[in-house]
Amino acid sequence: MMRALALAALVAQASPLPSPTPTGPIYAGNPAVRFTLESHPLGVSPDGAARWLVEARFFDANGMPTRILANSDIGWSAPGAYVQWQTRMRYGTPAAIVSTTRDGPLRIEARAHVPAIGSAVASTDTRAWPAARVVARALGPHLVQVGWFPRERGAIRIVRLDGRGVRTVVATLAGGSTFRDASVRPGVHYRYVVERAHEPRVALAPVLTPPDPPPSSIANASGVGMWLFFTNDPLDDIYVGKLDPRAIVAQAVRAHLHYIELRTAYGGFWEITPTAKPIVDAIVDGLAEHGIRTIGWTVPRDLSFEDLRQSVRTATYRTARGTPLVGVAVDLERGPEFMGGAPEGLGALASYARVLRGALGPAALVVATVEDPYLEHLKADDYPYAAIARSASVLQPMSYWRMMRRTPTSPEQVRTLLRASYEKLRYFAGRPIPISMGGQTVAAGRNGAPSPAEIAASIATSRSLGALGICYFDWDGTGPELWRALERDQW
């Protein structure tokens, strides 16, 4: 029913029906021959950044609007600012968000590579934006973030007033654009006054910190788990409308899974849309009825307030029936699509975990999904393992043994590789911390999917090493033979 409604909506927006092609764009309407950019300010964030949304609009040969549903490729460039492309499902079209801490003109160029229809330019000037330039918002029960725009070069003083009017100078800074107040308590109203060297004093409206998330034990990340994700695109095989909650729960029970890591956010995009929510909730509720936990899984893309807010939101999520997620797993990866593309570089990976822990407090379960140090031949300087370990409850290396090898693996090789990955990560962590291995069931890379014997070896080896558990990537890519292997080889 959900799939039929989604396809009906596509038909209503344009005709003819989209026809998938293996290489080119998939259209709802006629092929695009040109495009323009539409933009509008998103205001000032608690990061102290002015944020500007830019969206691509396509037109056919007759000048009529058309939509590209998949397979387009647009490159974005905004000199002197940070630009992050957005997943198509967030705004329904290719889009980017530009962020800057400097006041004045902004310009962005978008170049269409697929289809190859040239480029378009948009511009704005932050000096003309009407939005408030000083803001404060609660990131979590234990952290309030205050931001001001533009970036201040002189002295800044932040004064906090609690519900009784007691004034506390919480920060005196020599320049900057934001301050995180980690000395707040859950469920309390706070007011802030920002005093800057070159600007008028600003008194902000009260900010209410949310309650603590329910406390969660590391035992909730123990045993055998499976990563599960979906999309909000009706053209995808993993479109959320195609998920069958009853079938998913039944398969999890047969496979003796202890938990599932279910993706909730990709950067600033909250994936549990109104369409997805009843389906996601049915999965979480159904699993809970059988004692199977659900950990929310987020994919951070930068250190912004908006991005962090989605991980905090995940940790505090409850279904309509009140079933909570038992924790949050943050996928801390390098590369331009992930945190490696953030302006702060590698340091952002550790900072993200630190700020998230500060926002949620010490009782929340935070699983840090990290890159495998052994399989990726990483050194301590290549990835901030120790800094992340200081903030995480559990470390989870992505030990995809077949995907990262030149040749297929045997069960004995799996035992050797996982042992080496576990030991190297434990050493790099720099402190005793539980480790839950990340395994592979999907046929990713040149070597295809593991054999059932490799799955048995990965479970037995993880247990013998003293690992907390093992979580496999991923649900959709797991074939019947490997599901049967999980049914036979229990933790």
Protein backbone atom coordinates (compact mmCIF):
# COMPACT_ATOMS: atom_id res chain seq x y z
CA MET A 1 0.00 0.00 0.00
CA MET A 2 2.77 2.47 0.89
CA ARG A 3 4.56 1.74 -2.37
CA ALA A 4 1.39 2.25 -4.41
CA LEU A 5 0.72 5.61 -2.74
CA ALA A 6 4.27 6.80 -3.39
CA LEU A 7 4.17 5.84 -7.07
CA ALA A 8 0.76 7.47 -7.43
CA ALA A 9 2.22 10.68 -6.06
CA LEU A 10 4.97 10.57 -8.68
CA VAL A 11 2.42 10.16 -11.46
CA ALA A 12 0.46 13.15 -10.15
CA GLN A 13 3.55 15.39 -10.22
CA ALA A 14 4.55 14.73 -13.82
CA SER A 15 4.02 12.36 -16.71
CA PRO A 16 4.96 10.04 -18.24
CA LEU A 17 5.94 7.54 -15.58
CA PRO A 18 9.68 7.39 -14.85
CA SER A 19 11.50 4.73 -16.80
CA PRO A 20 14.67 3.45 -15.10
CA THR A 21 17.81 3.36 -17.22
CA PRO A 22 21.15 1.83 -16.23
CA THR A 23 23.33 4.86 -16.93
CA GLY A 24 21.40 8.09 -17.37
CA PRO A 25 19.04 10.14 -15.23
CA ILE A 26 15.59 8.82 -14.35
CA TYR A 27 12.98 11.50 -15.06
CA ALA A 28 9.44 12.20 -14.00
CA GLY A 29 8.75 14.20 -17.16
CA ASN A 30 10.93 15.07 -20.13
CA PRO A 31 14.75 15.19 -20.17
CA ALA A 32 16.30 18.33 -18.76
CA VAL A 33 18.17 20.72 -21.06
CA ARG A 34 18.91 23.46 -18.54
CA PHE A 35 18.71 24.18 -14.83
CA THR A 36 18.57 27.12 -12.47
CA LEU A 37 19.25 27.59 -8.77
CA GLU A 38 16.74 28.64 -6.15
CA SER A 39 17.99 29.68 -2.73
CA HIS A 40 16.91 31.08 0.60
CA PRO A 41 18.58 31.79 3.94
CA LEU A 42 18.27 29.22 6.73
CA GLY A 43 19.35 31.77 9.33
CA VAL A 44 22.08 31.69 11.93
CA SER A 45 22.78 28.40 13.71
CA PRO A 46 24.10 27.84 17.24
CA ASP A 47 27.44 27.25 15.54
CA GLY A 48 27.49 30.97 14.81
CA ALA A 49 27.26 30.23 11.08
CA ALA A 50 24.96 31.81 8.52
CA ARG A 51 23.41 28.93 6.55
CA TRP A 52 22.09 29.21 3.00
CA LEU A 53 20.07 26.54 1.16
CA VAL A 54 20.54 26.24 -2.60
CA GLU A 55 18.38 23.89 -4.73
CA ALA A 56 18.60 22.86 -8.39
CA ARG A 57 15.50 23.21 -10.60
CA PHE A 58 15.42 21.50 -14.01
CA PHE A 59 13.59 22.44 -17.22
CA ASP A 60 12.91 20.56 -20.46
CA ALA A 61 13.28 21.79 -24.08
CA ASN A 62 9.87 23.48 -23.88
CA GLY A 63 10.80 25.41 -20.77
CA MET A 64 8.57 23.26 -18.56
CA PRO A 65 9.74 22.06 -15.12
CA THR A 66 10.94 18.46 -14.97
CA ARG A 67 12.25 16.30 -12.14
CA ILE A 68 15.28 14.05 -12.05
CA LEU A 69 14.47 11.23 -9.66
CA ALA A 70 17.85 9.49 -9.73
CA ASN A 71 21.31 9.35 -11.32
CA SER A 72 22.02 13.08 -11.65
CA ASP A 73 25.43 14.42 -10.63
CA ILE A 74 25.98 18.04 -9.64
CA GLY A 75 29.17 19.55 -8.28
CA TRP A 76 28.97 22.52 -5.90
CA SER A 77 31.57 25.20 -5.25
CA ALA A 78 31.33 28.19 -2.87
CA PRO A 79 34.66 30.03 -2.48
CA GLY A 80 35.42 31.12 1.07
CA ALA A 81 32.59 29.06 2.59
CA TYR A 82 31.84 25.47 3.55
CA VAL A 83 29.41 23.76 1.17
CA GLN A 84 27.83 20.36 1.82
CA TRP A 85 25.71 18.56 -0.76
CA GLN A 86 22.46 17.13 0.55
CA THR A 87 20.87 13.77 -0.08
CA ARG A 88 18.17 14.12 -2.74
CA MET A 89 15.45 12.84 -0.43
CA ARG A 90 15.90 15.76 1.94
CA TYR A 91 14.63 18.42 -0.45
CA GLY A 92 13.35 16.34 -3.36
CA THR A 93 16.04 17.65 -5.71
CA PRO A 94 19.84 18.08 -5.75
CA ALA A 95 20.69 20.68 -3.12
CA ALA A 96 23.51 22.06 -1.00
CA ILE A 97 23.83 24.01 2.24
CA VAL A 98 26.44 26.75 2.40
CA SER A 99 27.79 27.84 5.80
CA THR A 100 29.96 30.82 6.69
CA THR A 101 30.98 32.77 9.79
CA ARG A 102 31.84 35.88 7.75
CA ASP A 103 29.37 38.65 6.97
CA GLY A 104 28.93 39.76 3.36
CA PRO A 105 28.39 38.36 -0.14
CA LEU A 106 28.11 34.64 -0.84
CA ARG A 107 28.30 32.99 -4.23
CA ILE A 108 27.87 29.38 -5.28
CA GLU A 109 28.35 27.69 -8.63
CA ALA A 110 26.67 24.40 -9.49
CA ARG A 111 27.92 22.39 -12.45
CA ALA A 112 25.76 19.62 -13.88
CA HIS A 113 27.94 16.67 -14.86
CA VAL A 114 25.00 14.29 -15.43
CA PRO A 115 23.13 15.43 -17.43
CA ALA A 116 25.84 17.63 -18.96
CA ILE A 117 23.82 20.82 -19.21
CA GLY A 118 26.29 23.42 -18.04
CA SER A 119 26.39 25.43 -14.86
CA ALA A 120 24.33 27.90 -12.85
CA VAL A 121 25.21 30.52 -10.24
CA ALA A 122 23.38 31.92 -7.21
CA SER A 123 24.39 34.72 -4.88
CA THR A 124 23.24 36.42 -1.71
CA ASP A 125 24.51 38.84 0.91
CA THR A 126 24.22 37.91 4.59
CA ARG A 127 24.13 41.62 5.53
CA ALA A 128 20.60 41.76 4.08
CA TRP A 129 19.24 38.75 5.97
CA PRO A 130 16.57 39.63 8.56
CA ALA A 131 17.21 36.67 10.89
CA ALA A 132 18.43 36.94 14.48
CA ARG A 133 22.22 36.97 14.69
CA VAL A 134 22.61 35.57 18.20
CA VAL A 135 20.91 32.28 19.10
CA ALA A 136 20.92 29.67 21.89
CA ARG A 137 19.51 26.16 21.75
CA ALA A 138 19.74 23.02 23.84
CA LEU A 139 21.66 20.28 22.06
CA GLY A 140 20.85 17.77 24.77
CA PRO A 141 20.01 17.49 28.47
CA HIS A 142 23.57 18.42 29.46
CA LEU A 143 24.58 20.95 26.81
CA VAL A 144 23.34 24.31 25.52
CA GLN A 145 25.04 25.90 22.53
CA VAL A 146 25.17 29.66 21.98
CA GLY A 147 26.17 31.12 18.60
CA TRP A 148 26.66 34.63 17.25
CA PHE A 149 27.22 35.94 13.74
CA PRO A 150 29.52 37.13 12.30
CA ARG A 151 32.60 35.71 13.93
CA GLU A 152 33.92 38.03 16.64
CA ARG A 153 37.60 38.96 16.73
CA GLY A 154 37.45 40.73 20.08
CA ALA A 155 36.37 39.67 23.56
CA ILE A 156 33.07 37.89 24.23
CA ARG A 157 31.44 37.33 27.61
CA ILE A 158 28.60 34.82 28.08
CA VAL A 159 26.38 35.32 31.12
CA ARG A 160 23.83 32.66 32.15
CA LEU A 161 20.77 33.22 34.34
CA ASP A 162 18.97 30.26 35.88
CA GLY A 163 15.29 30.07 36.82
CA ARG A 164 15.91 32.00 40.05
CA GLY A 165 17.71 34.80 38.26
CA VAL A 166 21.15 33.83 39.54
CA ARG A 167 23.79 35.23 37.16
CA THR A 168 26.88 33.23 36.27
CA VAL A 169 29.63 34.24 33.86
CA VAL A 170 30.05 30.93 32.06
CA ALA A 171 32.63 32.02 29.49
CA THR A 172 35.03 34.82 28.63
CA LEU A 173 36.44 34.27 25.17
CA ALA A 174 39.01 35.98 22.97
CA GLY A 175 37.18 35.75 19.65
CA GLY A 176 35.10 33.01 18.07
CA SER A 177 31.54 32.36 16.96
CA THR A 178 30.10 29.77 19.36
CA PHE A 179 30.19 28.46 22.93
CA ARG A 180 28.98 25.14 24.32
CA ASP A 181 27.76 25.33 27.90
CA ALA A 182 28.28 21.87 29.38
CA SER A 183 27.46 22.89 32.96
CA VAL A 184 23.67 22.78 32.58
CA ARG A 185 21.24 20.26 34.07
CA PRO A 186 18.33 18.40 32.42
CA GLY A 187 14.84 19.90 32.51
CA VAL A 188 15.87 23.45 33.50
CA HIS A 189 15.19 26.84 31.87
CA TYR A 190 18.27 28.97 31.25
CA ARG A 191 18.66 32.48 29.83
CA TYR A 192 21.83 33.79 28.22
CA VAL A 193 23.26 37.25 27.67
CA VAL A 194 25.97 37.70 25.04
CA GLU A 195 28.29 40.67 25.40
CA ARG A 196 30.71 41.35 22.51
CA ALA A 197 33.39 43.93 22.06
CA HIS A 198 31.99 45.44 18.87
CA GLU A 199 28.25 44.68 19.10
CA PRO A 200 25.33 45.61 21.37
CA ARG A 201 24.58 43.39 24.34
CA VAL A 202 22.00 40.68 23.46
CA ALA A 203 19.66 39.01 25.97
CA LEU A 204 18.21 35.77 24.58
CA ALA A 205 14.90 34.03 25.22
CA PRO A 206 14.89 31.16 27.75
CA VAL A 207 16.21 27.76 26.68
CA LEU A 208 14.76 24.57 28.21
CA THR A 209 17.05 21.56 28.42
CA PRO A 210 15.33 18.22 27.71
CA PRO A 211 15.21 15.31 30.17
CA ASP A 212 17.91 12.65 30.28
CA PRO A 213 17.57 9.70 27.89
CA PRO A 214 16.84 6.41 29.65
CA PRO A 215 20.04 4.86 31.04
CA SER A 216 21.36 2.03 28.91
CA SER A 217 23.91 -0.68 29.58
CA ILE A 218 26.65 -1.81 27.21
CA ALA A 219 24.93 -5.20 27.41
CA ASN A 220 22.45 -3.77 24.90
CA ALA A 221 25.23 -3.90 22.28
CA SER A 222 26.20 -7.49 23.08
CA GLY A 223 25.71 -10.65 21.07
CA VAL A 224 24.94 -10.87 17.35
CA GLY A 225 23.52 -7.81 15.60
CA MET A 226 22.74 -6.66 12.09
CA TRP A 227 22.84 -3.25 10.42
CA LEU A 228 19.55 -2.31 8.75
CA PHE A 229 18.98 0.79 6.64
CA PHE A 230 16.42 2.03 4.16
CA THR A 231 15.83 4.98 1.86
CA ASN A 232 12.89 7.28 1.26
CA ASP A 233 13.16 6.91 -2.53
CA PRO A 234 10.31 4.81 -4.06
CA LEU A 235 12.67 3.80 -6.89
CA ASP A 236 15.08 2.04 -4.54
CA ASP A 237 14.93 -1.65 -3.69
CA ILE A 238 15.35 -0.66 -0.03
CA TYR A 239 12.60 1.98 -0.09
CA VAL A 240 11.01 2.10 3.34
CA GLY A 241 7.57 1.45 1.88
CA LYS A 242 8.77 -1.97 0.73
CA LEU A 243 9.83 -3.07 4.22
CA ASP A 244 7.67 -5.70 5.89
CA PRO A 245 7.99 -5.23 9.67
CA ARG A 246 6.52 -8.66 10.46
CA ALA A 247 8.93 -10.40 8.10
CA ILE A 248 11.89 -8.47 9.50
CA VAL A 249 10.97 -9.37 13.08
CA ALA A 250 10.42 -13.02 12.16
CA GLN A 251 13.82 -13.21 10.43
CA ALA A 252 15.55 -11.57 13.39
CA VAL A 253 13.98 -14.11 15.74
CA ARG A 254 14.98 -17.07 13.53
CA ALA A 255 18.55 -15.79 13.30
CA HIS A 256 18.76 -15.37 17.10
CA LEU A 257 19.77 -11.72 16.74
CA HIS A 258 20.30 -9.84 19.98
CA TYR A 259 19.97 -6.38 18.46
CA ILE A 260 19.65 -4.38 15.25
CA GLU A 261 21.38 -1.13 14.39
CA LEU A 262 18.73 0.81 12.47
CA ARG A 263 19.75 3.93 10.55
CA THR A 264 17.88 7.05 11.60
CA ALA A 265 19.89 9.95 10.18
CA TYR A 266 22.32 10.80 7.40
CA GLY A 267 24.07 13.99 8.40
CA GLY A 268 21.40 16.60 9.10
CA PHE A 269 18.69 14.58 7.31
CA TRP A 270 16.30 12.79 9.68
CA GLU A 271 15.36 9.63 7.79
CA ILE A 272 12.34 8.71 9.90
CA THR A 273 10.00 10.82 7.79
CA PRO A 274 6.21 10.81 8.35
CA THR A 275 5.99 8.03 5.74
CA ALA A 276 8.75 6.00 7.37
CA LYS A 277 7.74 6.45 11.02
CA PRO A 278 4.89 3.91 11.28
CA ILE A 279 7.02 1.30 9.50
CA VAL A 280 10.10 1.98 11.62
CA ASP A 281 8.01 2.00 14.79
CA ALA A 282 6.43 -1.35 13.88
CA ILE A 283 9.92 -2.85 13.45
CA VAL A 284 11.20 -1.47 16.77
CA ASP A 285 8.06 -2.45 18.68
CA GLY A 286 7.99 -5.92 17.11
CA LEU A 287 11.62 -6.60 17.92
CA ALA A 288 11.14 -5.44 21.51
CA GLU A 289 8.28 -7.92 21.97
CA HIS A 290 10.84 -10.68 21.37
CA GLY A 291 13.55 -9.16 23.57
CA ILE A 292 15.57 -7.87 20.59
CA ARG A 293 17.00 -4.40 21.10
CA THR A 294 17.23 -1.58 18.55
CA ILE A 295 20.18 0.82 18.53
CA GLY A 296 19.78 3.93 16.39
CA TRP A 297 22.51 4.34 13.76
CA THR A 298 23.55 7.76 12.46
CA VAL A 299 26.03 8.78 9.78
CA PRO A 300 27.65 12.08 10.84
CA ARG A 301 28.88 14.39 8.10
CA ASP A 302 30.19 17.38 10.03
CA LEU A 303 30.48 18.86 13.49
CA SER A 304 27.51 21.20 13.10
CA PHE A 305 24.74 21.63 15.66
CA GLU A 306 22.23 20.34 13.12
CA ASP A 307 24.16 17.13 12.53
CA LEU A 308 24.79 16.47 16.23
CA ARG A 309 21.15 17.16 16.99
CA GLN A 310 20.11 14.16 14.88
CA SER A 311 22.35 11.84 16.90
CA VAL A 312 20.95 13.26 20.16
CA ARG A 313 17.44 12.86 18.72
CA THR A 314 18.25 9.24 17.92
CA ALA A 315 19.40 8.51 21.47
CA THR A 316 16.14 9.89 22.85
CA TYR A 317 13.77 8.45 20.20
CA ARG A 318 10.68 6.54 21.20
CA THR A 319 8.06 4.88 19.03
CA ALA A 320 4.44 5.98 19.13
CA ARG A 321 3.87 3.16 21.64
CA GLY A 322 6.73 4.42 23.80
CA THR A 323 9.41 1.83 22.96
CA PRO A 324 12.82 3.53 23.23
CA LEU A 325 15.93 2.96 21.20
CA VAL A 326 18.54 1.59 23.61
CA GLY A 327 21.42 3.71 22.35
CA VAL A 328 23.04 5.47 19.43
CA ALA A 329 25.78 4.17 17.11
CA VAL A 330 27.70 6.91 15.29
CA ASP A 331 29.42 5.91 12.05
CA LEU A 332 32.67 7.91 12.26
CA GLU A 333 34.19 7.58 8.80
CA ARG A 334 36.73 9.54 6.79
CA GLY A 335 36.11 10.59 3.21
CA PRO A 336 34.28 13.50 1.55
CA GLU A 337 30.83 11.96 2.05
CA PHE A 338 31.36 11.60 5.79
CA MET A 339 33.16 13.37 8.63
CA GLY A 340 36.40 13.45 6.66
CA GLY A 341 34.87 16.13 4.49
CA ALA A 342 34.20 18.43 7.46
CA PRO A 343 36.30 21.61 7.73
CA GLU A 344 37.94 20.36 10.92
CA GLY A 345 39.27 17.22 9.20
CA LEU A 346 40.29 14.24 11.33
CA GLY A 347 39.83 16.23 14.52
CA ALA A 348 36.11 16.42 13.83
CA LEU A 349 35.79 12.64 14.29
CA ALA A 350 36.93 12.78 17.91
CA SER A 351 35.18 16.09 18.59
CA TYR A 352 31.88 14.68 17.40
CA ALA A 353 32.05 11.82 19.89
CA ARG A 354 33.13 14.18 22.68
CA VAL A 355 30.34 16.72 22.11
CA LEU A 356 27.73 13.98 21.75
CA ARG A 357 28.79 12.42 25.03
CA GLY A 358 28.70 15.82 26.69
CA ALA A 359 25.19 16.47 25.40
CA LEU A 360 23.76 13.08 26.44
CA GLY A 361 25.54 12.59 29.74
CA PRO A 362 27.43 9.58 31.10
CA ALA A 363 24.55 7.07 31.25
CA ALA A 364 23.75 6.96 27.51
CA LEU A 365 24.99 4.08 25.35
CA VAL A 366 27.22 5.52 22.59
CA VAL A 367 28.68 3.00 20.14
CA ALA A 368 31.47 4.46 18.01
CA THR A 369 31.67 2.64 14.68
CA VAL A 370 35.28 3.14 13.59
CA GLU A 371 37.53 2.21 10.70
CA ASP A 372 39.41 -1.06 11.07
CA PRO A 373 43.05 -0.29 11.94
CA TYR A 374 44.45 -3.62 10.79
CA LEU A 375 42.54 -4.24 7.56
CA GLU A 376 43.03 -0.62 6.48
CA HIS A 377 46.71 -0.56 7.53
CA LEU A 378 46.18 2.52 9.68
CA LYS A 379 48.53 4.06 12.21
CA ALA A 380 47.56 5.88 15.37
CA ASP A 381 48.10 9.20 13.58
CA ASP A 382 45.78 8.21 10.72
CA TYR A 383 42.64 8.01 12.84
CA PRO A 384 41.89 9.34 16.39
CA TYR A 385 41.10 6.00 18.06
CA ALA A 386 42.20 6.99 21.56
CA ALA A 387 40.33 10.30 21.53
CA ILE A 388 37.13 8.61 20.33
CA ALA A 389 37.50 5.86 22.93
CA ARG A 390 37.50 8.45 25.71
CA SER A 391 33.91 9.42 24.80
CA ALA A 392 32.43 6.13 23.59
CA SER A 393 30.84 3.27 25.52
CA VAL A 394 31.80 0.70 22.87
CA LEU A 395 34.14 0.66 19.88
CA GLN A 396 32.93 -1.17 16.77
CA PRO A 397 35.50 -1.66 13.99
CA MET A 398 34.23 -2.17 10.46
CA SER A 399 36.09 -5.44 9.94
CA TYR A 400 34.75 -6.28 6.49
CA TRP A 401 37.32 -8.96 5.82
CA ARG A 402 36.39 -9.89 2.24
CA MET A 403 35.70 -6.35 1.06
CA MET A 404 39.16 -5.15 2.12
CA ARG A 405 41.16 -8.07 0.71
CA ARG A 406 42.47 -8.71 -2.78
CA THR A 407 41.49 -12.36 -2.69
CA PRO A 408 38.69 -14.38 -1.05
CA THR A 409 39.16 -15.54 2.51
CA SER A 410 38.98 -18.88 4.24
CA PRO A 411 37.54 -19.48 7.72
CA GLU A 412 41.08 -19.74 9.11
CA GLN A 413 42.01 -16.41 7.54
CA VAL A 414 38.89 -14.84 9.07
CA ARG A 415 40.04 -16.00 12.49
CA THR A 416 43.49 -14.51 11.93
CA LEU A 417 42.19 -11.19 10.53
CA LEU A 418 39.61 -10.60 13.26
CA ARG A 419 42.13 -11.43 15.96
CA ALA A 420 44.61 -8.93 14.50
CA SER A 421 41.93 -6.26 14.12
CA TYR A 422 40.72 -6.71 17.69
CA GLU A 423 44.21 -6.59 19.19
CA LYS A 424 45.33 -3.56 17.19
CA LEU A 425 42.16 -1.62 18.03
CA ARG A 426 42.47 -2.50 21.71
CA TYR A 427 46.03 -1.17 21.66
CA PHE A 428 45.13 2.05 19.80
CA ALA A 429 42.16 2.71 22.11
CA GLY A 430 44.58 3.44 24.93
CA ARG A 431 42.16 2.35 27.64
CA PRO A 432 40.05 -0.70 28.46
CA ILE A 433 36.83 -0.36 26.47
CA PRO A 434 34.39 -3.01 25.20
CA ILE A 435 34.80 -3.88 21.53
CA SER A 436 32.01 -5.23 19.35
CA MET A 437 33.28 -6.49 16.00
CA GLY A 438 31.69 -5.34 12.75
CA GLY A 439 31.38 -8.26 10.36
CA GLN A 440 30.37 -8.75 6.74
CA THR A 441 27.51 -10.68 5.17
CA VAL A 442 27.01 -8.48 2.10
CA ALA A 443 28.66 -9.25 -1.24
CA ALA A 444 30.65 -6.01 -1.32
CA GLY A 445 33.87 -5.78 -3.30
CA ARG A 446 35.52 -8.14 -5.74
CA ASN A 447 35.39 -11.20 -3.46
CA GLY A 448 31.64 -11.49 -2.99
CA ALA A 449 29.89 -12.59 0.18
CA PRO A 450 31.56 -14.70 2.86
CA SER A 451 30.83 -18.41 3.10
CA PRO A 452 28.67 -19.84 5.90
CA ALA A 453 31.83 -21.31 7.40
CA GLU A 454 33.34 -17.82 7.59
CA ILE A 455 30.28 -16.58 9.47
CA ALA A 456 30.68 -19.42 11.97
CA ALA A 457 34.38 -18.57 12.31
CA SER A 458 33.67 -14.87 12.86
CA ILE A 459 31.20 -15.59 15.67
CA ALA A 460 33.44 -18.13 17.39
CA THR A 461 36.52 -15.92 17.07
CA SER A 462 34.76 -12.81 18.40
CA ARG A 463 33.60 -14.76 21.44
CA SER A 464 37.03 -16.27 22.10
CA LEU A 465 38.65 -12.82 21.92
CA GLY A 466 36.34 -11.49 24.59
CA ALA A 467 34.50 -9.17 22.22
CA LEU A 468 31.14 -7.84 23.32
CA GLY A 469 29.52 -9.18 20.17
CA ILE A 470 29.56 -8.93 16.38
CA CYS A 471 27.28 -6.87 14.14
CA TYR A 472 26.97 -7.74 10.44
CA PHE A 473 26.66 -5.46 7.41
CA ASP A 474 24.01 -5.63 6.21
CA TRP A 475 20.40 -6.82 6.37
CA ASP A 476 19.45 -6.26 2.73
CA GLY A 477 22.64 -7.83 1.39
CA THR A 478 22.41 -11.01 3.48
CA GLY A 479 21.44 -13.97 1.31
CA PRO A 480 19.40 -17.02 2.39
CA GLU A 481 22.50 -19.20 2.88
CA LEU A 482 24.02 -16.74 5.34
CA TRP A 483 20.74 -16.24 7.18
CA ARG A 484 20.69 -20.01 7.68
CA ALA A 485 24.26 -19.83 8.94
CA LEU A 486 23.24 -17.25 11.55
CA GLU A 487 20.34 -19.48 12.56
CA ARG A 488 22.78 -22.37 13.18
CA ASP A 489 25.71 -20.51 14.73
CA GLN A 490 24.42 -18.73 17.82
CA TRP A 491 26.32 -16.43 20.18
